[in-house]
Protein backbone atom coordinates (compact mmCIF):
# COMPACT_ATOMS: atom_id res chain seq x y z
CA UNK A 1 25.86 5.62 -24.87
CA UNK A 2 27.92 8.05 -22.78
CA UNK A 3 27.29 8.67 -19.11
CA UNK A 4 25.44 11.99 -18.73
CA UNK A 5 27.13 14.49 -16.39
CA UNK A 6 25.45 16.90 -14.00
CA UNK A 7 27.38 20.16 -13.67
CA UNK A 8 26.31 21.25 -10.17
CA UNK A 9 27.37 18.05 -8.43
CA UNK A 10 30.97 17.91 -7.18
CA UNK A 11 33.24 14.90 -6.91
CA UNK A 12 34.83 14.04 -3.56
CA UNK A 13 37.31 11.31 -2.74
CA UNK A 14 37.96 9.89 0.72
CA UNK A 15 40.66 7.30 0.02
CA UNK A 16 38.35 5.04 -2.00
CA UNK A 17 38.88 3.68 -5.50
CA UNK A 18 35.71 5.30 -6.87
CA UNK A 19 34.23 8.74 -6.36
CA UNK A 20 30.63 9.85 -6.29
CA UNK A 21 28.50 12.73 -7.33
CA UNK A 22 27.48 14.72 -4.26
CA UNK A 23 25.06 17.51 -3.61
CA UNK A 24 27.22 20.61 -3.08
CA UNK A 25 24.78 21.85 -0.41
CA UNK A 26 25.36 18.78 1.76
CA UNK A 27 27.45 19.06 4.87
CA UNK A 28 30.73 17.21 5.20
CA UNK A 29 29.15 14.22 6.95
CA UNK A 30 26.61 13.87 4.17
CA UNK A 31 29.32 14.13 1.55
CA UNK A 32 31.35 11.42 3.26
CA UNK A 33 28.27 9.23 3.58
CA UNK A 34 27.50 9.55 -0.13
CA UNK A 35 31.10 9.02 -1.21
CA UNK A 36 31.37 5.82 0.80
CA UNK A 37 28.17 4.52 -0.76
CA UNK A 38 29.22 5.34 -4.30
CA UNK A 39 32.42 3.37 -3.75
CA UNK A 40 30.44 0.56 -2.14
CA UNK A 41 27.94 0.24 -5.00
CA UNK A 42 30.71 0.40 -7.58
CA UNK A 43 32.16 -2.62 -5.78
CA UNK A 44 28.77 -4.35 -5.65
CA UNK A 45 28.47 -3.93 -9.43
CA UNK A 46 31.70 -5.87 -9.81
CA UNK A 47 30.49 -8.45 -7.27
CA UNK A 48 27.23 -8.96 -9.21
CA UNK A 49 29.12 -9.71 -12.41
CA UNK A 50 30.14 -13.09 -11.03
CA UNK A 51 27.68 -13.73 -8.17
CA UNK A 52 23.95 -13.46 -7.63
CA UNK A 53 23.52 -14.56 -4.05
CA UNK A 54 20.03 -15.78 -3.17
CA UNK A 55 18.29 -12.58 -4.26
CA UNK A 56 17.03 -13.61 -7.70
CA UNK A 57 13.73 -15.02 -6.43
CA UNK A 58 13.16 -11.84 -4.44
CA UNK A 59 13.85 -9.67 -7.49
CA UNK A 60 11.46 -11.76 -9.59
CA UNK A 61 8.72 -11.20 -7.04
CA UNK A 62 9.38 -7.46 -7.00
CA UNK A 63 9.10 -7.38 -10.78
CA UNK A 64 5.71 -9.13 -10.62
CA UNK A 65 4.34 -6.63 -8.11
CA UNK A 66 5.64 -3.59 -9.99
CA UNK A 67 4.16 -4.97 -13.23
CA UNK A 68 0.78 -5.08 -11.51
CA UNK A 69 1.03 -1.40 -10.64
CA UNK A 70 2.66 -0.08 -13.83
CA UNK A 71 0.96 -0.68 -17.20
CA UNK A 72 3.24 -1.38 -20.14
CA UNK A 73 4.00 1.67 -22.26
CA UNK A 74 3.94 4.13 -19.34
CA UNK A 75 6.59 6.78 -18.78
CA UNK A 76 8.65 5.56 -15.83
CA UNK A 77 11.52 6.99 -13.79
CA UNK A 78 13.45 4.68 -11.48
CA UNK A 79 15.62 6.44 -8.90
CA UNK A 80 18.40 4.11 -7.79
CA UNK A 81 18.03 1.89 -10.84
CA UNK A 82 21.22 -0.16 -10.34
CA UNK A 83 21.74 -2.32 -13.42
CA UNK A 84 18.30 -1.37 -14.78
CA UNK A 85 16.76 -4.85 -14.74
CA UNK A 86 13.60 -3.88 -12.84
CA UNK A 87 12.94 -0.82 -15.01
CA UNK A 88 13.46 -2.81 -18.21
CA UNK A 89 11.07 -5.54 -17.03
CA UNK A 90 8.24 -2.97 -16.91
CA UNK A 91 8.57 -2.30 -20.66
CA UNK A 92 8.07 1.45 -20.35
CA UNK A 93 7.21 3.62 -23.33
CA UNK A 94 9.78 6.05 -21.93
CA UNK A 95 12.12 4.68 -19.32
CA UNK A 96 14.66 6.80 -17.43
CA UNK A 97 16.95 5.33 -14.81
CA UNK A 98 19.01 7.34 -12.30
CA UNK A 99 21.89 6.02 -10.22
CA UNK A 100 24.94 7.60 -8.60
CA UNK A 101 27.25 4.62 -9.14
CA UNK A 102 29.44 4.89 -12.23
CA UNK A 103 29.81 1.12 -12.49
CA UNK A 104 26.08 0.46 -12.09
CA UNK A 105 25.29 3.04 -14.77
CA UNK A 106 27.78 1.47 -17.19
CA UNK A 107 26.25 -1.96 -16.73
CA UNK A 108 22.69 -0.65 -17.03
CA UNK A 109 23.54 1.04 -20.33
CA UNK A 110 25.18 -2.12 -21.65
CA UNK A 111 22.33 -4.40 -20.55
CA UNK A 112 19.44 -2.14 -21.56
CA UNK A 113 20.32 0.25 -24.40
CA UNK A 114 16.60 1.00 -24.91
CA UNK A 115 16.55 2.89 -21.60
CA UNK A 116 17.91 6.36 -20.86
CA UNK A 117 20.31 5.81 -17.96
CA UNK A 118 21.59 8.93 -16.18
CA UNK A 119 24.36 9.18 -13.59
CA UNK A 120 22.96 11.46 -10.91
CA UNK A 121 22.54 11.77 -7.16
CA UNK A 122 19.00 11.21 -5.90
CA UNK A 123 19.35 14.21 -3.60
CA UNK A 124 19.78 16.55 -6.59
CA UNK A 125 17.65 15.34 -9.49
CA UNK A 126 18.38 17.65 -12.40
CA UNK A 127 15.70 16.40 -14.80
CA UNK A 128 13.21 18.48 -16.76
CA UNK A 129 10.78 15.64 -17.49
CA UNK A 130 7.61 14.43 -15.81
CA UNK A 131 6.47 10.83 -15.49
CA UNK A 132 3.43 8.61 -15.07
CA UNK A 133 5.28 6.51 -12.49
CA UNK A 134 8.32 7.13 -10.31
CA UNK A 135 9.69 4.07 -8.53
CA UNK A 136 12.21 3.60 -5.74
CA UNK A 137 12.99 -0.05 -5.09
CA UNK A 138 14.99 -0.80 -1.93
CA UNK A 139 16.50 2.69 -2.07
CA UNK A 140 15.19 4.59 0.97
CA UNK A 141 17.10 2.33 3.36
CA UNK A 142 20.32 3.64 1.81
CA UNK A 143 19.56 7.40 1.62
CA UNK A 144 21.23 10.15 3.63
CA UNK A 145 18.08 12.33 3.59
CA UNK A 146 14.89 10.58 2.44
CA UNK A 147 12.72 13.67 2.86
CA UNK A 148 14.96 15.66 0.54
CA UNK A 149 14.80 12.93 -2.08
CA UNK A 150 10.99 12.89 -1.89
CA UNK A 151 10.97 16.67 -2.30
CA UNK A 152 13.19 16.32 -5.37
CA UNK A 153 10.81 13.74 -6.80
CA UNK A 154 7.77 15.95 -6.18
CA UNK A 155 9.12 18.42 -8.78
CA UNK A 156 8.92 15.70 -11.42
CA UNK A 157 5.35 14.70 -10.58
CA UNK A 158 2.02 15.86 -11.99
CA UNK A 159 -1.42 14.97 -10.58
CA UNK A 160 -1.52 11.71 -12.56
CA UNK A 161 1.93 10.61 -11.32
CA UNK A 162 2.15 7.70 -8.92
CA UNK A 163 5.15 7.23 -6.66
CA UNK A 164 5.74 3.55 -5.86
CA UNK A 165 8.41 2.41 -3.44
CA UNK A 166 9.33 -0.71 -1.58
CA UNK A 167 11.68 -1.02 1.37
CA UNK A 168 12.76 -3.68 3.85
CA UNK A 169 10.76 -4.57 6.94
CA UNK A 170 12.70 -3.85 10.14
CA UNK A 171 12.03 -7.39 11.38
CA UNK A 172 14.40 -8.65 8.68
CA UNK A 173 17.38 -6.57 9.82
CA UNK A 174 19.18 -9.42 11.60
CA UNK A 175 18.34 -12.23 9.13
CA UNK A 176 19.58 -10.12 6.20
CA UNK A 177 22.72 -9.16 8.07
CA UNK A 178 23.40 -12.81 8.79
CA UNK A 179 22.85 -13.75 5.13
CA UNK A 180 25.29 -11.08 4.00
CA UNK A 181 27.83 -12.18 6.58
CA UNK A 182 27.69 -15.68 5.09
CA UNK A 183 28.06 -14.35 1.56
CA UNK A 184 24.53 -15.45 0.65
CA UNK A 185 23.31 -11.94 -0.26
CA UNK A 186 24.89 -8.90 -1.83
CA UNK A 187 26.83 -6.78 0.68
CA UNK A 188 25.42 -3.59 2.18
CA UNK A 189 26.55 -0.75 4.41
CA UNK A 190 24.58 0.30 7.49
CA UNK A 191 20.97 0.92 6.57
CA UNK A 192 18.06 3.16 7.58
CA UNK A 193 15.56 0.74 9.04
CA UNK A 194 12.34 2.67 8.45
CA UNK A 195 8.85 1.60 9.46
CA UNK A 196 5.94 2.09 7.09
CA UNK A 197 4.75 4.89 9.38
CA UNK A 198 8.15 6.60 9.12
CA UNK A 199 8.03 6.65 5.33
CA UNK A 200 4.38 7.71 5.29
CA UNK A 201 5.25 10.69 7.46
CA UNK A 202 8.21 11.66 5.28
CA UNK A 203 6.04 11.46 2.16
CA UNK A 204 3.43 13.71 3.75
CA UNK A 205 6.15 16.25 4.57
CA UNK A 206 7.04 16.23 0.87
CA UNK A 207 3.36 16.77 -0.07
CA UNK A 208 2.51 13.23 -1.12
CA UNK A 209 -0.71 11.44 -0.16
CA UNK A 210 -0.59 7.70 0.60
CA UNK A 211 -3.02 5.64 -1.48
CA UNK A 212 -2.20 2.08 -0.50
CA UNK A 213 0.15 -0.01 1.59
CA UNK A 214 0.71 -3.71 1.16
CA UNK A 215 3.23 -6.26 2.38
CA UNK A 216 5.03 -8.58 0.00
CA UNK A 217 7.46 -11.54 0.07
CA UNK A 218 7.22 -13.94 2.96
CA UNK A 219 9.75 -16.46 1.63
CA UNK A 220 12.54 -14.81 -0.45
CA UNK A 221 13.88 -18.13 -1.78
CA UNK A 222 12.78 -20.11 -4.80
CA UNK A 223 11.22 -23.21 -3.24
CA UNK A 224 8.14 -23.99 -5.34
CA UNK A 225 5.36 -24.59 -4.59
CA UNK A 226 5.95 -23.42 -1.02
CA UNK A 227 7.39 -20.04 -2.03
CA UNK A 228 4.50 -19.46 -4.47
CA UNK A 229 1.88 -20.15 -1.80
CA UNK A 230 3.74 -18.08 0.80
CA UNK A 231 4.40 -15.03 -1.41
CA UNK A 232 1.15 -14.92 -3.36
CA UNK A 233 -1.35 -15.90 -0.66
CA UNK A 234 -0.14 -16.36 2.92
CA UNK A 235 1.64 -13.00 3.14
CA UNK A 236 -1.71 -11.23 2.57
CA UNK A 237 -3.13 -12.46 5.87
CA UNK A 238 -2.48 -11.24 9.38
CA UNK A 239 -0.40 -12.15 11.37
CA UNK A 240 1.82 -13.61 8.62
CA UNK A 241 1.82 -10.24 6.88
CA UNK A 242 3.79 -8.85 9.84
CA UNK A 243 6.72 -11.03 8.75
CA UNK A 244 6.83 -9.84 5.13
CA UNK A 245 10.28 -8.89 3.86
CA UNK A 246 9.23 -5.70 2.11
CA UNK A 247 6.63 -2.95 2.37
CA UNK A 248 5.08 -1.44 -0.75
CA UNK A 249 3.68 2.10 -0.61
CA UNK A 250 1.86 3.90 -3.42
CA UNK A 251 1.41 7.68 -3.18
CA UNK A 252 0.08 10.57 -5.27
CA UNK A 253 0.98 14.27 -5.26
CA UNK A 254 -1.24 16.13 -2.80
CA UNK A 255 -2.84 19.16 -4.44
CA UNK A 256 -2.36 22.11 -2.10
CA UNK A 257 -5.00 24.38 -3.67
CA UNK A 258 -8.28 23.64 -5.50
CA UNK A 259 -8.31 23.99 -9.27
CA UNK A 260 -9.59 27.37 -10.44
CA UNK A 261 -10.88 25.94 -13.71
CA UNK A 262 -14.45 24.67 -13.59
CA UNK A 263 -14.96 21.41 -15.47
CA UNK A 264 -17.89 20.45 -17.66
CA UNK A 265 -19.95 17.63 -16.12
CA UNK A 266 -21.92 14.76 -17.65
CA UNK A 267 -24.50 13.05 -15.43
CA UNK A 268 -25.11 9.54 -16.80
CA UNK A 269 -28.55 8.22 -15.82
CA UNK A 270 -29.43 4.57 -16.56
CA UNK A 271 -33.23 4.25 -16.57
CA UNK A 272 -35.41 1.17 -16.73
CA UNK A 273 -39.06 1.35 -15.68
CA UNK A 274 -38.56 4.73 -14.03
CA UNK A 275 -41.00 6.95 -15.98
CA UNK A 276 -42.49 8.36 -12.77
CA UNK A 277 -39.10 9.75 -11.70
CA UNK A 278 -38.25 11.52 -14.96
CA UNK A 279 -39.88 14.94 -14.16
CA UNK A 280 -38.09 15.06 -10.79
CA UNK A 281 -34.72 14.40 -12.45
CA UNK A 282 -35.08 17.53 -14.57
CA UNK A 283 -36.30 19.55 -11.61
CA UNK A 284 -33.72 18.42 -9.08
CA UNK A 285 -30.39 17.85 -10.88
CA UNK A 286 -28.50 21.12 -10.32
CA UNK A 287 -26.17 22.90 -12.70
CA UNK A 288 -22.65 21.60 -12.11
CA UNK A 289 -19.30 23.08 -13.11
CA UNK A 290 -19.30 25.31 -16.17
CA UNK A 291 -21.93 23.17 -17.96
CA UNK A 292 -24.08 20.14 -17.18
CA UNK A 293 -25.10 17.40 -19.60
CA UNK A 294 -27.75 14.79 -18.80
CA UNK A 295 -27.14 11.48 -20.58
CA UNK A 296 -30.09 9.08 -20.32
CA UNK A 297 -29.72 5.40 -21.22
CA UNK A 298 -33.09 3.69 -21.45
CA UNK A 299 -32.91 -0.07 -20.94
CA UNK A 300 -36.01 -1.73 -22.38
CA UNK A 301 -38.73 -0.43 -20.08
CA UNK A 302 -42.38 -1.44 -20.23
CA UNK A 303 -43.79 1.64 -18.49
CA UNK A 304 -43.06 4.27 -21.14
CA UNK A 305 -39.77 5.49 -19.66
CA UNK A 306 -38.24 6.25 -23.07
CA UNK A 307 -41.23 8.33 -24.11
CA UNK A 308 -41.26 10.15 -20.76
CA UNK A 309 -37.59 11.11 -21.12
CA UNK A 310 -38.08 12.27 -24.74
CA UNK A 311 -41.07 14.40 -23.66
CA UNK A 312 -39.13 15.96 -20.77
CA UNK A 313 -36.18 16.79 -23.04
CA UNK A 314 -38.54 18.57 -25.43
CA UNK A 315 -40.04 20.52 -22.51
CA UNK A 316 -36.60 21.62 -21.23
CA UNK A 317 -34.67 23.01 -24.21
CA UNK A 318 -32.44 24.90 -21.78
CA UNK A 319 -30.89 21.64 -20.62
CA UNK A 320 -28.16 19.83 -22.53
CA UNK A 321 -29.36 16.24 -22.93
CA UNK A 322 -28.78 12.97 -24.76
CA UNK A 323 -31.20 10.02 -24.91
CA UNK A 324 -29.70 6.66 -25.84
CA UNK A 325 -31.44 3.32 -26.34
CA UNK A 326 -29.56 0.46 -24.69
CA UNK A 327 -28.97 -2.57 -26.92
CA UNK A 328 -27.14 -4.69 -24.33
CA UNK A 329 -28.26 -5.82 -20.89
CA UNK A 330 -27.54 -4.74 -17.34
CA UNK A 331 -26.64 -1.48 -15.66
CA UNK A 332 -22.94 -1.99 -16.34
CA UNK A 333 -23.56 -2.05 -20.08
CA UNK A 334 -25.73 1.08 -19.75
CA UNK A 335 -23.03 2.96 -17.82
CA UNK A 336 -20.35 2.09 -20.38
CA UNK A 337 -22.63 3.24 -23.22
CA UNK A 338 -23.38 6.50 -21.43
CA UNK A 339 -19.73 7.19 -20.63
CA UNK A 340 -18.78 6.51 -24.25
CA UNK A 341 -21.19 9.19 -25.51
CA UNK A 342 -20.78 11.69 -22.66
CA UNK A 343 -18.91 14.93 -23.40
CA UNK A 344 -18.07 16.22 -19.90
CA UNK A 345 -14.69 16.49 -18.20
CA UNK A 346 -16.27 14.86 -15.12
CA UNK A 347 -18.48 11.76 -15.40
CA UNK A 348 -21.11 11.05 -12.73
CA UNK A 349 -23.53 8.15 -12.43
CA UNK A 350 -26.97 8.94 -10.98
CA UNK A 351 -29.51 6.18 -10.44
CA UNK A 352 -32.86 7.20 -11.86
CA UNK A 353 -34.70 5.92 -8.77
CA UNK A 354 -33.43 9.08 -6.97
CA UNK A 355 -32.69 7.21 -3.75
CA UNK A 356 -29.47 9.25 -3.82
CA UNK A 357 -30.62 12.89 -3.84
CA UNK A 358 -29.49 14.79 -6.97
CA UNK A 359 -28.92 17.79 -4.71
CA UNK A 360 -25.81 15.96 -3.39
CA UNK A 361 -24.08 15.87 -6.78
CA UNK A 362 -22.08 19.13 -6.25
CA UNK A 363 -20.27 17.34 -3.42
CA UNK A 364 -19.05 14.68 -5.83
CA UNK A 365 -17.70 17.30 -8.21
CA UNK A 366 -15.98 19.13 -5.34
CA UNK A 367 -14.12 15.96 -4.28
CA UNK A 368 -12.50 15.83 -7.72
CA UNK A 369 -11.86 19.52 -8.31
CA UNK A 370 -10.34 19.94 -4.85
CA UNK A 371 -7.81 17.21 -5.60
CA UNK A 372 -8.84 15.26 -2.51
CA UNK A 373 -9.38 12.12 -4.58
CA UNK A 374 -9.48 10.80 -8.14
CA UNK A 375 -12.73 8.86 -7.61
CA UNK A 376 -15.72 9.84 -5.46
CA UNK A 377 -17.72 6.81 -4.31
CA UNK A 378 -21.11 7.38 -2.73
CA UNK A 379 -21.66 5.59 0.58
CA UNK A 380 -25.14 4.82 1.88
CA UNK A 381 -23.88 3.04 5.00
CA UNK A 382 -22.81 5.99 7.16
CA UNK A 383 -25.96 7.98 7.91
CA UNK A 384 -29.19 6.29 9.05
CA UNK A 385 -31.43 5.38 6.12
CA UNK A 386 -35.08 6.11 5.65
CA UNK A 387 -37.28 3.26 6.83
CA UNK A 388 -37.82 1.45 3.54
CA UNK A 389 -34.65 2.47 1.69
CA UNK A 390 -32.88 -0.93 2.08
CA UNK A 391 -34.03 -4.27 3.42
CA UNK A 392 -32.18 -5.66 6.45
CA UNK A 393 -30.52 -8.61 4.71
CA UNK A 394 -29.39 -6.33 1.87
CA UNK A 395 -27.90 -3.96 4.44
CA UNK A 396 -26.13 -6.81 6.25
CA UNK A 397 -24.71 -8.12 2.98
CA UNK A 398 -23.49 -4.68 1.93
CA UNK A 399 -21.69 -4.13 5.23
CA UNK A 400 -20.03 -7.56 5.04
CA UNK A 401 -18.86 -7.03 1.50
CA UNK A 402 -17.56 -3.55 2.34
CA UNK A 403 -15.05 -5.13 4.75
CA UNK A 404 -14.00 -7.69 2.17
CA UNK A 405 -13.54 -5.19 -0.63
CA UNK A 406 -11.64 -2.72 1.57
CA UNK A 407 -9.11 -5.48 2.25
CA UNK A 408 -9.01 -6.57 -1.38
CA UNK A 409 -8.52 -3.08 -2.84
CA UNK A 410 -6.12 -1.78 -0.16
CA UNK A 411 -8.38 1.25 0.33
CA UNK A 412 -11.39 1.78 2.63
CA UNK A 413 -14.53 1.19 0.56
CA UNK A 414 -17.63 1.21 2.73
CA UNK A 415 -20.29 0.81 0.05
CA UNK A 416 -19.42 -0.91 -3.22
CA UNK A 417 -22.93 -0.85 -4.70
CA UNK A 418 -24.02 2.74 -4.23
CA UNK A 419 -25.01 3.78 -7.74
CA UNK A 420 -23.58 7.29 -7.54
CA UNK A 421 -19.92 7.59 -8.47
CA UNK A 422 -17.82 10.35 -10.05
CA UNK A 423 -14.46 10.42 -11.81
CA UNK A 424 -12.55 12.40 -14.39
CA UNK A 425 -13.09 11.47 -18.02
CA UNK A 426 -9.32 11.02 -18.49
CA UNK A 427 -9.23 8.54 -15.62
CA UNK A 428 -12.19 6.63 -17.04
CA UNK A 429 -10.39 6.43 -20.38
CA UNK A 430 -7.39 4.93 -18.59
CA UNK A 431 -9.67 2.39 -16.88
CA UNK A 432 -11.28 1.55 -20.21
CA UNK A 433 -7.90 1.17 -21.94
CA UNK A 434 -6.83 -1.34 -19.27
CA UNK A 435 -10.15 -3.19 -19.11
CA UNK A 436 -8.69 -6.26 -20.79
CA UNK A 437 -6.93 -7.07 -17.49
CA UNK A 438 -10.35 -7.83 -15.97
CA UNK A 439 -12.54 -8.36 -19.05
CA UNK A 440 -16.28 -7.74 -19.38
CA UNK A 441 -17.20 -9.30 -16.04
CA UNK A 442 -19.47 -6.85 -14.22
CA UNK A 443 -23.26 -6.64 -14.75
CA UNK A 444 -23.59 -3.80 -12.21
CA UNK A 445 -21.00 -1.33 -13.51
CA UNK A 446 -19.75 -0.52 -10.01
CA UNK A 447 -16.96 -3.09 -9.86
CA UNK A 448 -15.68 -2.40 -13.35
CA UNK A 449 -14.92 1.14 -12.15
CA UNK A 450 -13.75 0.32 -8.62
CA UNK A 451 -11.46 -2.51 -9.71
CA UNK A 452 -10.11 -0.48 -12.60
CA UNK A 453 -9.44 2.53 -10.37
CA UNK A 454 -7.73 0.33 -7.79
CA UNK A 455 -5.55 -1.34 -10.43
CA UNK A 456 -4.36 2.11 -11.59
CA UNK A 457 -3.81 3.24 -7.97
CA UNK A 458 -6.37 6.02 -8.12
CA UNK A 459 -7.32 7.57 -4.81
CA UNK A 460 -10.87 6.45 -3.99
CA UNK A 461 -12.79 8.46 -1.39
CA UNK A 462 -16.11 7.48 0.17
CA UNK A 463 -18.65 10.31 0.18
CA UNK A 464 -21.44 9.70 2.73
CA UNK A 465 -24.96 10.44 1.48
CA UNK A 466 -28.47 10.09 2.94
CA UNK A 467 -30.18 7.17 1.25
CA UNK A 468 -33.89 7.79 0.60
CA UNK A 469 -37.01 5.70 0.06
CA UNK A 470 -38.16 5.13 -3.48
CA UNK A 471 -41.07 7.35 -4.52
CA UNK A 472 -41.87 5.37 -7.68
CA UNK A 473 -41.36 1.85 -9.00
CA UNK A 474 -39.60 -1.16 -7.53
CA UNK A 475 -35.96 -2.06 -7.03
CA UNK A 476 -34.20 -4.08 -9.73
CA UNK A 477 -31.93 -5.71 -7.13
CA UNK A 478 -32.58 -9.44 -6.61
CA UNK A 479 -31.26 -10.26 -3.16
CA UNK A 480 -30.04 -13.83 -3.56
CA UNK A 481 -29.06 -13.72 -7.21
CA UNK A 482 -27.11 -10.51 -6.83
CA UNK A 483 -25.67 -11.58 -3.47
CA UNK A 484 -24.15 -14.58 -5.22
CA UNK A 485 -22.79 -12.24 -7.90
CA UNK A 486 -21.21 -10.11 -5.18
CA UNK A 487 -19.45 -13.15 -3.79
CA UNK A 488 -18.17 -13.96 -7.26
CA UNK A 489 -16.95 -10.37 -7.60
CA UNK A 490 -15.01 -10.71 -4.34
CA UNK A 491 -13.35 -13.92 -5.50
CA UNK A 492 -12.60 -12.35 -8.86
CA UNK A 493 -10.99 -9.33 -7.20
CA UNK A 494 -8.91 -11.58 -4.95
CA UNK A 495 -7.49 -13.40 -7.94
CA UNK A 496 -6.83 -10.34 -10.11
CA UNK A 497 -5.92 -7.68 -7.53
CA UNK A 498 -4.81 -9.20 -4.23
CA UNK A 499 -3.21 -12.56 -5.00
CA UNK A 500 -1.10 -11.50 -7.96
């Protein structure tokens, strides 16, 4: 494979053996900076042919974290790909690597012929493709103008794109310098020692929205089992997290204007022993988007709920409805059945007890269509509740678990068990396609969606609602049984999401 050339980048030489591709709009200082780094990384490529230093364990850990974020078969661009090992480890369906070092590009093409490796400067990305994931691993510390690079990347991103980057913690500046001085790590030129807040600000200037931030790698040496315990578990806890070697940030493109296209909406309504609430559902659920579909899943009631829904559908021919009979058990099974049969662009869950007012549903749709989030999660724990809406111990348990799950998912989730949630059909299909990572574990349906959305780095936004008293029937929540299930969910999430 030949090295691809980019016509509008000029070559400059400043007394070094190798020359680099430079952005012609850069000033002389920027050109010199880039040229020196091209020559440096060409030399590092030669150095890596015969030496590894002590960085292999660190690279292995980076690969594990990136594999968590990036599903196999995705389209992936790595800017600053070096020899291409990280990109290849992700097994992309379409993998493109960009690097400005001629020697690094040659080695990447030799090592990974299945990838498309392009010689190009990160400050002038001349690509006409878009990607599911764009990754920058230990690159921002070496850039002349990080904001400009982020702006270049934004042109290659669509709403579904996730930008994932990792960069060194400033606390490691001296230890890394000492290791390089002793020849224990690959050599580097002077670096930008950014904080996580610095990079977050630069991403916002380039119209990216931060989704999650996590620290990784406490012990960058292979010393099992100590390194395993330190890097998988201990680094997740404060204050040890302050000493992590690298920060990971995940961001999404920030939509600057709401979508002008109105989506179709399916409201999925699991119903078990809720016959008394059926007339109010038809009266109170508003028209949403360009069309609204009501999808009822009846779950083996003994109070005539199925018959009540069928009667109401017949009395309201103006409403688009489906009535499904659940064959499995649990609300989670009912939600999955309803989502499978729903036809809308937006999928919303509405509990048939109407403790979440149907009049609030337009707010959930607006969160998605505005681009503020990918997933709208109702929260009952912000406004004061009506007197009998939730028992005290249930409330205390919900608040405790909200803190745990916010930490586990790297996003603030105040109320995990509010039944009303909304997401795009395409995002649900992605969650469903990746469900094997978690398995069929959730009887509620809430965690299947929240965990799946977190795994795919979707932006989750809490939407406060006023939680109301029931007007008919009794709750299906069993305090102690379901509290134990919540604890199991937390432990499950820790194993599959946090301690990877």
